[in-house]
Amino acid sequence: MTTPAPPAVPRIPEAVHRRRWAILGVLMLSLLIVVLDNSILNVAVKTISEPAPTGLGATQGELEWAINSYTLVFAGLLFTAGLLGDRIGRKKMLLLGLVVFGAGSLLAALAGSPGELVGFRAVMGFGAAFVMPATLAILMNVFERDEQPKAIGIWAAGVGLAIAIGPITGGLLLDHFWWGSVFLVNVPIVLLAIVLMVVLVPDSRDPNPGRIDPVGVLLSVLGLVLLVYGIIEGGRLADFTDPMVLATAGAGLAVLVVFVVHQKRSDHPSIDVTYFKNKVFSAAIAAIALVFFALMGVTFFAVFYLQSVRGYSPLESGLLLIPLAAAQLIFAPRARLVVDRFGNKAVTTAGLLVIAAMLGAFALLDADTPIWLLEVIFFLMGTGMAHIMTPVSVVIMQALPREKAGSASALSNTFRQVGGALGIAVLGSVLSAAYRSDIEQHLGALPAGAQHAAGESIEATLGVARSLGERGEALVLPAHDAFLHAMHITALCGAGVALVGAAVVALFLPGRPPAADTPAEEAEPVKASS
C-alpha cells in the first residue's frame, strides 16, 4: 500500500486567505486606474490636437510624446519599482504610486500647453511604475498556487474592463466637458483605491532580499530610458537613421549590456540574469513584448481611422471599441480552462495567429467598409489577447519563486511597456512616412513651410483644409486616401510582428500542463542564485 501524500500546508495566513477575493478587487481597481488612463487618452488625442480653446493644438509628434513620456518613465522605472517593492514592501510602493499618479493626473488636467502635458504625463508614468508590478506581486502572495491561474485570469480581465470603460468614459467626458476632464476623472478613483488599500491589503516583501544594488538600479533605469527615448525620437522624426536617434538608442543598448555584465558578476544582483536561460520564461516575456508592439501601434492609428476618416465622435469611437474590451473581459478569466485542455503552447500560438490575422484584416478596410466588419475584427483581436495574456502571465509568475514576485511582475510589465513604446514609435513612424509620401503631391499649392506642417498627419492636413475654406475641400479626399494607404502598410507590419511572436511561443512554450496528480508546489521554479 502507498501512503497518501499529506495535504499541502497553506502558505497564506488564514485571515488574508478569507479576504483574498476582496483584495483582488482592490488590486484590480488600482490596475484599472493605470490602464484606464491610456485607453481614455487614445480617444482624446484628436481633441487635444485641435486648436485652443477646444484642445491644446498638439502636433502628431507632441501627441506621441504625450503618450510616450508616460511610457518612457513607466518602462524605465518598472524594474526598479518591482525591486524596491520586494525589499521595502509592495503595499508601501503601491500606495506611493497611487499618490504620485493622482497628483500627476490633477496637474495634467490643468496643463496649459502640449509641453506641460508631456511633463505631467511623465509624473503619472512615475506613479504608475510603482502600481503595476505591485498589483500582480501582491496577488501572488495572497493566493495559493492552485488558485493563482484563476486569479491571474480575473486580473487580466481587469485590463479588458479598463479598455471598455476608458473610451466610453472619455467620450462622455469630451462630449460634456473640456479635454482635461479625461485626466481629472482619475483623482476620485485614486482616493477610493488608497482608502481600500489601507484597510484591506496586507503588505509583503522578499524575506531574504539581500543588499540593494545601486549600480544595477542606476544602469537599468539609464539604459531603458535612453533606449526608449531613442525609439520614440526615431518615430517622431520618421527617421531611425538620424545620428541623434542612433546615438541615443545605441547608448541605451550599450548601458543595458553593461547592466547584464554587472549582474552576472555581482554577488547581490538586482536580477539574476540566469532567469533568461529558461527558454519558457524568455519566450513568455518575448510574447508579451511582441503582442503589445503590434497592438499599441494599431490602437494608435485606429482612433484616427474612426474619427478623422469615418467621422465618428469621441464617444462613438469609444463605443465602437467595446467589442475589443468585451472579448477580453469574457475570455480572460476562462482562458485557463482552455490551457488545461490544450496547453500553453497551442493556446498562446493560436491567440497570436488570430491577432496577426486581424491586424492583416485592417489592410482591407476602406472609408466606406461596413462598420460591423470592424466590430468583428475588434472582437476577435480581444479574444486573441485574452488567450495570450492569461497563460503567458501565469507562466512568467510561476516560473520564479513566490518571494521574487515583484521582480517577475516588473520584468513582465517592463517588456510589455517597452514593446508598446516600440509599437507606437516604430509603427507610428511607418504611418507618418507612408502618409507623407502619398499626401505631398497634393500640397504643392501651399507655401513650403505649410507643406511640411500639413504633411505631418491626417489631422494636420485636415486642419489646413479647414483653414482654407472652400479651397481646402480638395485636400480632404486625398488626405483620407493617403491615410488609408498608410494604415494598410502599418497594419501589415504589425501582423508580421505578431507572426514572429507566434513562431517564438510555438517553439519554446510548454504544451499541456503537468498531470493533475503532481503536487502544484513541486513545480520547480527557475533557479535563482543567491
Protein backbone atom coordinates (compact mmCIF):
# COMPACT_ATOMS: atom_id res chain seq x y z
CA MET A 1 0.00 0.00 0.00
CA THR A 2 1.13 3.51 -0.71
CA THR A 3 0.81 6.14 1.93
CA PRO A 4 -1.20 9.10 0.62
CA ALA A 5 0.76 12.30 0.41
CA PRO A 6 -0.02 14.73 3.21
CA PRO A 7 -2.07 17.73 2.11
CA ALA A 8 -0.05 20.77 1.15
CA VAL A 9 0.42 23.16 4.04
CA PRO A 10 -1.22 26.51 3.24
CA ARG A 11 1.36 29.26 2.93
CA ILE A 12 -1.15 32.12 3.16
CA PRO A 13 -2.32 33.27 6.62
CA GLU A 14 -5.98 32.37 7.22
CA ALA A 15 -7.02 36.00 7.83
CA VAL A 16 -5.57 37.00 4.45
CA HIS A 17 -6.94 33.92 2.70
CA ARG A 18 -10.50 34.71 3.80
CA ARG A 19 -10.45 38.14 2.18
CA ARG A 20 -8.37 37.22 -0.87
CA TRP A 21 -11.14 37.99 -3.38
CA ALA A 22 -11.80 41.39 -1.82
CA ILE A 23 -8.06 42.07 -2.03
CA LEU A 24 -8.10 41.05 -5.69
CA GLY A 25 -10.91 43.57 -6.25
CA VAL A 26 -8.80 46.37 -4.74
CA LEU A 27 -5.80 45.35 -6.84
CA MET A 28 -7.96 45.39 -9.97
CA LEU A 29 -9.20 48.89 -9.06
CA SER A 30 -5.57 50.05 -8.85
CA LEU A 31 -4.80 48.35 -12.16
CA LEU A 32 -7.94 49.89 -13.66
CA ILE A 33 -6.62 53.39 -13.00
CA VAL A 34 -3.35 52.79 -14.85
CA VAL A 35 -4.90 51.08 -17.89
CA LEU A 36 -7.95 53.37 -17.94
CA ASP A 37 -5.73 56.42 -18.35
CA ASN A 38 -4.16 55.21 -21.59
CA SER A 39 -7.42 53.95 -23.06
CA ILE A 40 -9.11 57.29 -22.30
CA LEU A 41 -6.21 59.20 -23.84
CA ASN A 42 -6.46 57.18 -27.06
CA VAL A 43 -9.95 58.60 -27.61
CA ALA A 44 -8.91 62.13 -26.60
CA VAL A 45 -5.86 62.54 -28.87
CA LYS A 46 -7.85 64.06 -31.72
CA THR A 47 -9.49 66.60 -29.37
CA ILE A 48 -6.13 67.55 -27.83
CA SER A 49 -4.73 68.08 -31.35
CA GLU A 50 -7.37 70.74 -32.11
CA PRO A 51 -6.51 74.43 -31.53
CA ALA A 52 -7.35 76.16 -28.24
CA PRO A 53 -9.80 76.51 -26.59
CA THR A 54 -11.08 73.08 -27.72
CA GLY A 55 -7.68 71.42 -27.32
CA LEU A 56 -4.01 72.31 -26.99
CA GLY A 57 -3.14 72.41 -30.69
CA ALA A 58 -0.75 69.48 -30.25
CA THR A 59 1.05 68.15 -33.31
CA GLN A 60 1.23 64.42 -34.02
CA GLY A 61 4.77 64.40 -32.63
CA GLU A 62 3.57 66.08 -29.43
CA LEU A 63 0.69 63.61 -29.18
CA GLU A 64 3.14 60.71 -29.46
CA TRP A 65 5.21 62.32 -26.71
CA ALA A 66 2.12 62.78 -24.53
CA ILE A 67 1.61 59.02 -24.77
CA ASN A 68 5.25 58.01 -24.71
CA SER A 69 6.56 60.33 -21.97
CA TYR A 70 4.31 58.26 -19.72
CA THR A 71 5.62 55.04 -21.27
CA LEU A 72 9.25 56.21 -21.13
CA VAL A 73 9.20 56.85 -17.38
CA PHE A 74 6.95 53.85 -16.76
CA ALA A 75 9.26 51.44 -18.61
CA GLY A 76 12.41 52.96 -17.18
CA LEU A 77 11.28 52.64 -13.57
CA LEU A 78 9.19 49.45 -13.64
CA PHE A 79 12.00 47.10 -12.81
CA THR A 80 13.34 49.34 -10.05
CA ALA A 81 9.84 49.71 -8.62
CA GLY A 82 9.36 45.94 -8.51
CA LEU A 83 12.76 45.53 -6.89
CA LEU A 84 12.00 48.13 -4.20
CA GLY A 85 8.62 46.52 -3.58
CA ASP A 86 10.30 43.16 -2.93
CA ARG A 87 12.64 44.81 -0.44
CA ILE A 88 10.69 47.64 1.24
CA GLY A 89 7.14 46.32 0.94
CA ARG A 90 4.76 46.03 -2.02
CA LYS A 91 1.84 47.74 -0.29
CA LYS A 92 4.01 50.74 0.59
CA MET A 93 5.21 51.06 -3.01
CA LEU A 94 1.67 50.70 -4.34
CA LEU A 95 0.38 53.46 -2.06
CA LEU A 96 3.29 55.71 -3.10
CA GLY A 97 2.48 55.05 -6.75
CA LEU A 98 -1.21 55.87 -6.30
CA VAL A 99 -0.45 59.19 -4.59
CA VAL A 100 2.01 60.27 -7.31
CA PHE A 101 -0.30 59.09 -10.10
CA GLY A 102 -3.23 61.03 -8.63
CA ALA A 103 -1.15 64.21 -8.30
CA GLY A 104 0.13 63.84 -11.88
CA SER A 105 -3.43 63.37 -13.14
CA LEU A 106 -4.57 66.57 -11.46
CA LEU A 107 -1.65 68.52 -12.95
CA ALA A 108 -2.20 67.03 -16.43
CA ALA A 109 -5.86 68.12 -16.33
CA LEU A 110 -4.71 71.71 -15.75
CA ALA A 111 -1.90 71.71 -18.36
CA GLY A 112 -1.79 74.88 -20.46
CA SER A 113 0.41 73.67 -23.31
CA PRO A 114 1.47 70.42 -25.03
CA GLY A 115 4.86 70.69 -23.27
CA GLU A 116 3.24 70.86 -19.84
CA LEU A 117 1.02 67.90 -20.70
CA VAL A 118 4.06 65.85 -21.72
CA GLY A 119 5.79 66.69 -18.42
CA PHE A 120 2.81 65.88 -16.21
CA ARG A 121 2.22 62.65 -18.10
CA ALA A 122 5.77 61.71 -17.13
CA VAL A 123 4.82 62.27 -13.48
CA MET A 124 1.85 59.95 -14.00
CA GLY A 125 4.20 57.36 -15.51
CA PHE A 126 6.40 57.58 -12.39
CA GLY A 127 3.40 56.75 -10.20
CA ALA A 128 2.10 54.01 -12.50
CA ALA A 129 5.52 52.29 -12.42
CA PHE A 130 5.02 51.61 -8.71
CA VAL A 131 1.40 50.49 -9.13
CA MET A 132 1.52 47.92 -11.94
CA PRO A 133 4.17 45.43 -10.66
CA ALA A 134 2.88 45.64 -7.09
CA THR A 135 -0.65 44.53 -8.05
CA LEU A 136 0.49 41.23 -9.58
CA ALA A 137 3.15 40.65 -6.90
CA ILE A 138 0.60 41.08 -4.08
CA LEU A 139 -1.80 38.76 -5.92
CA MET A 140 0.86 36.03 -5.94
CA ASN A 141 1.21 36.42 -2.18
CA VAL A 142 -2.47 36.23 -1.22
CA PHE A 143 -3.47 33.23 -3.39
CA GLU A 144 -2.23 29.66 -3.05
CA ARG A 145 -0.58 28.27 -6.18
CA ASP A 146 -3.60 26.23 -7.28
CA GLU A 147 -5.79 29.37 -7.36
CA GLN A 148 -3.21 31.63 -8.99
CA PRO A 149 -4.16 30.88 -12.63
CA LYS A 150 -7.81 31.74 -11.90
CA ALA A 151 -6.82 34.92 -10.04
CA ILE A 152 -4.43 35.99 -12.80
CA GLY A 153 -7.19 35.37 -15.36
CA ILE A 154 -9.52 37.69 -13.44
CA TRP A 155 -6.66 40.19 -13.08
CA ALA A 156 -6.13 40.09 -16.86
CA ALA A 157 -9.87 40.57 -17.38
CA GLY A 158 -9.47 43.82 -15.43
CA VAL A 159 -7.40 45.08 -18.35
CA GLY A 160 -10.31 44.32 -20.66
CA LEU A 161 -12.70 46.10 -18.31
CA ALA A 162 -10.47 49.19 -18.29
CA ILE A 163 -10.20 49.14 -22.08
CA ALA A 164 -14.00 49.03 -22.25
CA ILE A 165 -14.65 51.72 -19.66
CA GLY A 166 -11.87 54.06 -20.81
CA PRO A 167 -13.03 55.04 -24.32
CA ILE A 168 -16.69 55.30 -23.26
CA THR A 169 -15.82 57.39 -20.23
CA GLY A 170 -13.50 59.54 -22.33
CA GLY A 171 -16.17 60.03 -24.98
CA LEU A 172 -18.82 61.01 -22.41
CA LEU A 173 -16.43 63.45 -20.72
CA LEU A 174 -15.36 65.04 -24.01
CA ASP A 175 -18.99 65.44 -25.05
CA HIS A 176 -19.78 67.44 -21.90
CA PHE A 177 -16.51 68.86 -20.53
CA TRP A 178 -13.10 70.09 -21.63
CA TRP A 179 -10.26 67.77 -22.64
CA GLY A 180 -8.63 67.92 -19.18
CA SER A 181 -11.56 66.03 -17.67
CA VAL A 182 -10.12 62.77 -19.06
CA PHE A 183 -7.28 63.14 -16.53
CA LEU A 184 -9.26 64.68 -13.68
CA VAL A 185 -11.51 61.59 -13.55
CA ASN A 186 -8.54 59.60 -12.18
CA VAL A 187 -8.40 61.58 -8.94
CA PRO A 188 -11.55 60.26 -7.17
CA ILE A 189 -10.72 56.69 -8.26
CA VAL A 190 -7.22 57.08 -6.78
CA LEU A 191 -8.65 58.34 -3.47
CA LEU A 192 -11.05 55.37 -3.25
CA ALA A 193 -8.27 52.91 -4.09
CA ILE A 194 -5.98 54.36 -1.39
CA VAL A 195 -8.66 54.01 1.31
CA LEU A 196 -9.46 50.40 0.36
CA MET A 197 -5.77 49.56 0.07
CA VAL A 198 -5.03 50.78 3.61
CA VAL A 199 -7.97 48.82 5.06
CA LEU A 200 -7.83 45.51 3.18
CA VAL A 201 -4.48 44.75 1.57
CA PRO A 202 -1.63 43.12 3.55
CA ASP A 203 1.98 44.08 2.96
CA SER A 204 4.53 41.57 1.72
CA ARG A 205 8.18 41.54 0.79
CA ASP A 206 11.03 39.20 -0.01
CA PRO A 207 12.14 37.72 3.35
CA ASN A 208 15.73 37.48 2.11
CA PRO A 209 16.16 40.43 -0.23
CA GLY A 210 19.88 40.82 0.22
CA ARG A 211 21.64 44.11 -0.28
CA ILE A 212 20.34 46.71 -2.70
CA ASP A 213 22.45 47.01 -5.85
CA PRO A 214 22.50 50.78 -6.52
CA VAL A 215 24.79 50.44 -9.56
CA GLY A 216 22.46 47.86 -11.10
CA VAL A 217 19.40 50.01 -10.41
CA LEU A 218 21.04 53.07 -11.98
CA LEU A 219 22.20 51.13 -15.04
CA SER A 220 18.76 49.56 -15.60
CA VAL A 221 16.95 52.90 -15.41
CA LEU A 222 19.51 54.75 -17.56
CA GLY A 223 19.67 52.01 -20.20
CA LEU A 224 15.90 51.66 -20.54
CA VAL A 225 15.30 55.41 -20.64
CA LEU A 226 17.97 56.01 -23.31
CA LEU A 227 16.77 53.08 -25.44
CA VAL A 228 13.08 54.00 -25.30
CA TYR A 229 13.89 57.70 -25.81
CA GLY A 230 15.85 56.86 -28.97
CA ILE A 231 12.99 54.71 -30.25
CA ILE A 232 10.40 57.42 -29.58
CA GLU A 233 12.54 60.13 -31.16
CA GLY A 234 13.05 57.97 -34.24
CA GLY A 235 9.29 57.61 -34.51
CA ARG A 236 8.77 61.34 -34.10
CA LEU A 237 11.30 62.15 -36.83
CA ALA A 238 10.16 59.20 -39.00
CA ASP A 239 13.88 58.55 -39.45
CA PHE A 240 15.67 55.84 -37.48
CA THR A 241 18.94 56.67 -39.24
CA ASP A 242 19.12 60.13 -37.68
CA PRO A 243 22.51 60.44 -35.87
CA MET A 244 20.87 61.51 -32.59
CA VAL A 245 18.46 58.58 -32.71
CA LEU A 246 21.23 56.09 -33.43
CA ALA A 247 23.46 57.58 -30.74
CA THR A 248 20.76 57.60 -28.04
CA ALA A 249 19.35 54.13 -28.76
CA GLY A 250 22.87 52.74 -29.18
CA ALA A 251 23.94 54.25 -25.87
CA GLY A 252 20.88 52.67 -24.22
CA LEU A 253 21.74 49.25 -25.61
CA ALA A 254 25.38 49.66 -24.52
CA VAL A 255 24.31 50.58 -20.97
CA LEU A 256 21.98 47.57 -20.84
CA VAL A 257 24.84 45.31 -21.94
CA VAL A 258 26.95 46.75 -19.12
CA PHE A 259 23.98 46.13 -16.78
CA VAL A 260 23.84 42.44 -17.79
CA VAL A 261 27.60 42.02 -17.32
CA HIS A 262 27.40 43.74 -13.92
CA GLN A 263 24.52 41.47 -12.85
CA LYS A 264 26.48 38.36 -13.80
CA ARG A 265 29.47 39.43 -11.73
CA SER A 266 27.65 40.87 -8.72
CA ASP A 267 27.20 38.78 -5.56
CA HIS A 268 23.95 40.71 -4.83
CA PRO A 269 22.40 41.34 -8.29
CA SER A 270 19.22 43.31 -8.81
CA ILE A 271 18.06 40.48 -11.05
CA ASP A 272 19.50 37.05 -11.61
CA VAL A 273 20.01 37.10 -15.39
CA THR A 274 20.13 33.31 -15.37
CA TYR A 275 16.32 33.51 -15.30
CA PHE A 276 16.55 34.13 -19.03
CA LYS A 277 18.38 30.85 -19.59
CA ASN A 278 14.97 29.27 -19.10
CA LYS A 279 13.56 29.20 -22.64
CA VAL A 280 9.97 29.06 -21.39
CA PHE A 281 10.40 32.20 -19.28
CA SER A 282 12.19 34.06 -22.10
CA ALA A 283 9.60 33.02 -24.71
CA ALA A 284 6.74 34.18 -22.48
CA ILE A 285 8.42 37.56 -21.93
CA ALA A 286 9.06 37.90 -25.68
CA ALA A 287 5.42 37.05 -26.46
CA ILE A 288 4.18 39.87 -24.22
CA ALA A 289 6.56 42.38 -25.80
CA LEU A 290 5.69 41.41 -29.38
CA VAL A 291 1.93 41.36 -28.92
CA PHE A 292 1.95 44.80 -27.30
CA PHE A 293 4.23 46.08 -30.05
CA ALA A 294 1.59 45.13 -32.60
CA LEU A 295 -1.46 46.09 -30.55
CA MET A 296 -0.36 49.54 -29.32
CA GLY A 297 0.68 50.64 -32.78
CA VAL A 298 -2.66 49.60 -34.25
CA THR A 299 -4.70 51.18 -31.43
CA PHE A 300 -2.94 54.49 -32.10
CA PHE A 301 -3.97 54.66 -35.77
CA ALA A 302 -7.41 53.05 -35.27
CA VAL A 303 -8.61 56.14 -33.40
CA PHE A 304 -7.67 58.40 -36.33
CA TYR A 305 -9.35 55.99 -38.74
CA LEU A 306 -12.59 56.12 -36.75
CA GLN A 307 -12.59 59.87 -36.06
CA SER A 308 -10.70 61.51 -38.93
CA VAL A 309 -11.70 59.23 -41.81
CA ARG A 310 -15.05 57.81 -40.70
CA GLY A 311 -16.17 60.97 -38.86
CA TYR A 312 -17.22 59.39 -35.56
CA SER A 313 -17.24 61.45 -32.36
CA PRO A 314 -15.00 60.52 -29.39
CA LEU A 315 -17.97 58.89 -27.63
CA GLU A 316 -18.97 56.93 -30.72
CA SER A 317 -15.35 55.82 -31.17
CA GLY A 318 -15.30 54.65 -27.57
CA LEU A 319 -18.48 52.66 -28.06
CA LEU A 320 -17.06 51.07 -31.20
CA LEU A 321 -14.08 49.77 -29.17
CA ILE A 322 -16.38 47.84 -26.79
CA PRO A 323 -16.06 44.51 -28.67
CA LEU A 324 -12.26 44.58 -28.21
CA ALA A 325 -12.65 45.04 -24.47
CA ALA A 326 -15.71 42.80 -24.06
CA ALA A 327 -13.88 39.85 -25.60
CA GLN A 328 -11.01 40.24 -23.11
CA LEU A 329 -13.46 40.59 -20.24
CA ILE A 330 -15.36 37.45 -21.30
CA PHE A 331 -12.48 35.18 -22.23
CA ALA A 332 -9.54 36.17 -19.98
CA PRO A 333 -10.94 34.50 -16.81
CA ARG A 334 -11.81 31.37 -18.84
CA ALA A 335 -8.54 31.10 -20.75
CA ARG A 336 -7.07 28.85 -18.04
CA LEU A 337 -9.73 26.22 -18.85
CA VAL A 338 -8.64 26.19 -22.49
CA VAL A 339 -5.00 25.95 -21.36
CA ASP A 340 -5.87 22.97 -19.13
CA ARG A 341 -7.22 21.16 -22.17
CA PHE A 342 -4.83 22.17 -24.95
CA GLY A 343 -1.71 23.50 -23.19
CA ASN A 344 0.09 26.85 -23.14
CA LYS A 345 1.83 26.37 -26.48
CA ALA A 346 -1.32 25.69 -28.53
CA VAL A 347 -3.47 28.35 -26.86
CA THR A 348 -0.89 31.16 -26.98
CA THR A 349 0.20 30.36 -30.53
CA ALA A 350 -3.43 30.35 -31.68
CA GLY A 351 -4.01 33.68 -29.92
CA LEU A 352 -1.07 35.30 -31.70
CA LEU A 353 -2.18 33.89 -35.06
CA VAL A 354 -5.64 35.39 -34.51
CA ILE A 355 -4.03 38.76 -33.65
CA ALA A 356 -1.89 38.57 -36.82
CA ALA A 357 -4.92 37.75 -38.97
CA MET A 358 -6.96 40.62 -37.53
CA LEU A 359 -4.12 43.09 -37.99
CA GLY A 360 -3.87 41.92 -41.58
CA ALA A 361 -7.62 42.48 -41.93
CA PHE A 362 -7.06 46.20 -41.25
CA ALA A 363 -5.38 46.30 -44.66
CA LEU A 364 -8.79 45.56 -46.21
CA LEU A 365 -10.62 48.48 -44.56
CA ASP A 366 -11.69 51.50 -46.60
CA ALA A 367 -13.59 54.70 -45.88
CA ASP A 368 -16.94 53.01 -46.55
CA THR A 369 -16.34 49.48 -45.16
CA PRO A 370 -19.43 48.30 -43.22
CA ILE A 371 -18.74 49.13 -39.59
CA TRP A 372 -19.87 45.71 -38.38
CA LEU A 373 -16.80 44.20 -40.04
CA LEU A 374 -14.57 46.42 -37.92
CA GLU A 375 -16.53 45.32 -34.83
CA VAL A 376 -15.87 41.67 -35.69
CA ILE A 377 -12.15 42.44 -36.11
CA PHE A 378 -12.04 44.17 -32.72
CA PHE A 379 -13.86 41.28 -31.02
CA LEU A 380 -11.53 38.66 -32.46
CA MET A 381 -8.49 40.79 -31.53
CA GLY A 382 -9.75 40.91 -27.94
CA THR A 383 -10.31 37.15 -27.98
CA GLY A 384 -6.76 36.59 -29.15
CA MET A 385 -5.40 38.92 -26.48
CA ALA A 386 -7.31 37.11 -23.73
CA HIS A 387 -5.79 33.79 -24.78
CA ILE A 388 -2.29 35.26 -24.77
CA MET A 389 -2.14 37.42 -21.66
CA THR A 390 -3.57 34.96 -19.13
CA PRO A 391 -1.45 31.87 -19.92
CA VAL A 392 1.70 33.92 -20.53
CA SER A 393 1.28 35.82 -17.24
CA VAL A 394 0.81 32.55 -15.36
CA VAL A 395 3.94 31.08 -16.97
CA ILE A 396 6.03 34.12 -16.02
CA MET A 397 4.77 34.47 -12.45
CA GLN A 398 5.05 30.75 -11.65
CA ALA A 399 8.49 30.43 -13.22
CA LEU A 400 10.10 32.37 -10.37
CA PRO A 401 9.89 31.77 -6.61
CA ARG A 402 6.96 33.47 -4.85
CA GLU A 403 9.25 35.83 -2.92
CA LYS A 404 10.55 37.17 -6.24
CA ALA A 405 7.02 38.03 -7.42
CA GLY A 406 7.73 41.76 -7.60
CA SER A 407 10.74 41.25 -9.84
CA ALA A 408 8.86 38.80 -12.08
CA SER A 409 5.90 41.15 -12.41
CA ALA A 410 8.21 44.10 -13.07
CA LEU A 411 10.08 42.19 -15.79
CA SER A 412 6.80 41.23 -17.43
CA ASN A 413 5.47 44.77 -17.35
CA THR A 414 8.79 46.32 -18.40
CA PHE A 415 8.86 44.24 -21.57
CA ARG A 416 5.16 44.97 -22.12
CA GLN A 417 5.73 48.73 -21.89
CA VAL A 418 8.90 48.70 -23.98
CA GLY A 419 7.06 46.61 -26.57
CA GLY A 420 4.19 49.12 -26.54
CA ALA A 421 6.56 52.07 -26.88
CA LEU A 422 8.28 50.33 -29.78
CA GLY A 423 4.89 49.72 -31.38
CA ILE A 424 3.80 53.35 -31.17
CA ALA A 425 7.21 54.68 -32.22
CA VAL A 426 8.08 52.22 -35.00
CA LEU A 427 4.59 51.69 -36.43
CA GLY A 428 3.85 55.39 -35.86
CA SER A 429 6.89 56.29 -37.94
CA VAL A 430 5.83 53.85 -40.67
CA LEU A 431 2.38 55.50 -40.67
CA SER A 432 3.86 59.02 -40.80
CA ALA A 433 6.37 58.24 -43.54
CA ALA A 434 3.81 56.43 -45.72
CA TYR A 435 1.24 59.19 -45.23
CA ARG A 436 3.69 61.97 -46.06
CA SER A 437 4.94 60.26 -49.22
CA ASP A 438 1.35 59.98 -50.51
CA ILE A 439 -0.02 63.38 -49.49
CA GLU A 440 2.95 65.57 -50.51
CA GLN A 441 1.96 65.58 -54.19
CA HIS A 442 -1.34 67.22 -53.23
CA LEU A 443 0.23 70.02 -51.15
CA GLY A 444 2.13 71.80 -53.93
CA ALA A 445 -0.08 74.90 -53.85
CA LEU A 446 0.82 75.59 -50.21
CA PRO A 447 3.87 77.60 -49.03
CA ALA A 448 6.93 75.45 -48.31
CA GLY A 449 6.64 75.73 -44.53
CA ALA A 450 2.93 74.96 -44.60
CA GLN A 451 3.56 71.93 -46.82
CA HIS A 452 5.77 70.33 -44.19
CA ALA A 453 3.32 71.01 -41.36
CA ALA A 454 0.31 69.85 -43.38
CA GLY A 455 2.05 66.61 -44.36
CA GLU A 456 2.81 65.55 -40.79
CA SER A 457 -0.52 63.76 -40.17
CA ILE A 458 -4.07 63.49 -41.44
CA GLU A 459 -5.25 65.85 -38.70
CA ALA A 460 -2.66 68.43 -39.76
CA THR A 461 -3.81 68.17 -43.39
CA LEU A 462 -7.49 68.43 -42.46
CA GLY A 463 -6.69 71.39 -40.20
CA VAL A 464 -5.10 73.23 -43.13
CA ALA A 465 -8.07 72.27 -45.32
CA ARG A 466 -10.50 73.76 -42.79
CA SER A 467 -8.49 76.99 -42.60
CA LEU A 468 -8.61 77.40 -46.40
CA GLY A 469 -12.41 77.13 -46.55
CA GLU A 470 -13.79 76.04 -49.93
CA ARG A 471 -10.29 75.98 -51.48
CA GLY A 472 -9.27 73.38 -48.91
CA GLU A 473 -12.04 70.91 -49.71
CA ALA A 474 -9.90 69.44 -52.50
CA LEU A 475 -7.44 68.19 -49.82
CA VAL A 476 -9.96 66.12 -47.83
CA LEU A 477 -10.33 63.12 -50.14
CA PRO A 478 -6.56 62.83 -50.87
CA ALA A 479 -5.92 63.02 -47.11
CA HIS A 480 -8.34 60.15 -46.47
CA ASP A 481 -6.84 58.07 -49.29
CA ALA A 482 -3.27 58.71 -48.12
CA PHE A 483 -4.14 57.79 -44.54
CA LEU A 484 -5.89 54.56 -45.58
CA HIS A 485 -2.88 53.52 -47.66
CA ALA A 486 -0.53 54.32 -44.75
CA MET A 487 -2.80 52.41 -42.34
CA HIS A 488 -2.77 49.34 -44.60
CA ILE A 489 1.05 49.31 -44.71
CA THR A 490 1.30 49.81 -40.94
CA ALA A 491 -1.24 47.07 -40.18
CA LEU A 492 0.67 44.56 -42.31
CA CYS A 493 3.89 45.43 -40.43
CA GLY A 494 2.07 44.79 -37.15
CA ALA A 495 0.76 41.48 -38.47
CA GLY A 496 4.31 40.45 -39.33
CA VAL A 497 5.45 41.17 -35.76
CA ALA A 498 2.57 39.08 -34.36
CA LEU A 499 3.61 36.18 -36.62
CA VAL A 500 7.14 36.37 -35.22
CA GLY A 501 5.62 36.14 -31.73
CA ALA A 502 3.59 33.09 -32.77
CA ALA A 503 6.75 31.37 -34.02
CA VAL A 504 8.59 32.10 -30.76
CA VAL A 505 5.91 30.67 -28.48
CA ALA A 506 5.30 27.68 -30.78
CA LEU A 507 8.97 26.77 -30.45
CA PHE A 508 9.57 27.37 -26.75
CA LEU A 509 6.42 27.42 -24.63
CA PRO A 510 5.42 24.14 -22.93
CA GLY A 511 2.48 22.09 -24.13
CA ARG A 512 -0.06 20.64 -21.74
CA PRO A 513 0.41 21.45 -18.03
CA PRO A 514 1.75 18.75 -15.68
CA ALA A 515 -0.59 15.91 -14.72
CA ALA A 516 -3.17 16.83 -12.12
CA ASP A 517 -1.79 14.38 -9.59
CA THR A 518 1.52 16.20 -9.44
CA PRO A 519 1.55 18.43 -6.37
CA ALA A 520 1.44 22.02 -7.54
CA GLU A 521 4.14 23.14 -5.20
CA GLU A 522 6.57 20.62 -6.70
CA ALA A 523 6.63 22.51 -9.97
CA GLU A 524 10.21 23.65 -10.00
CA PRO A 525 10.76 27.37 -10.49
CA VAL A 526 13.67 28.85 -12.34
CA LYS A 527 16.72 28.52 -10.15
CA ALA A 528 17.82 31.77 -8.59
CA SER A 529 21.40 32.13 -7.48
CA SER A 530 21.90 33.66 -4.11
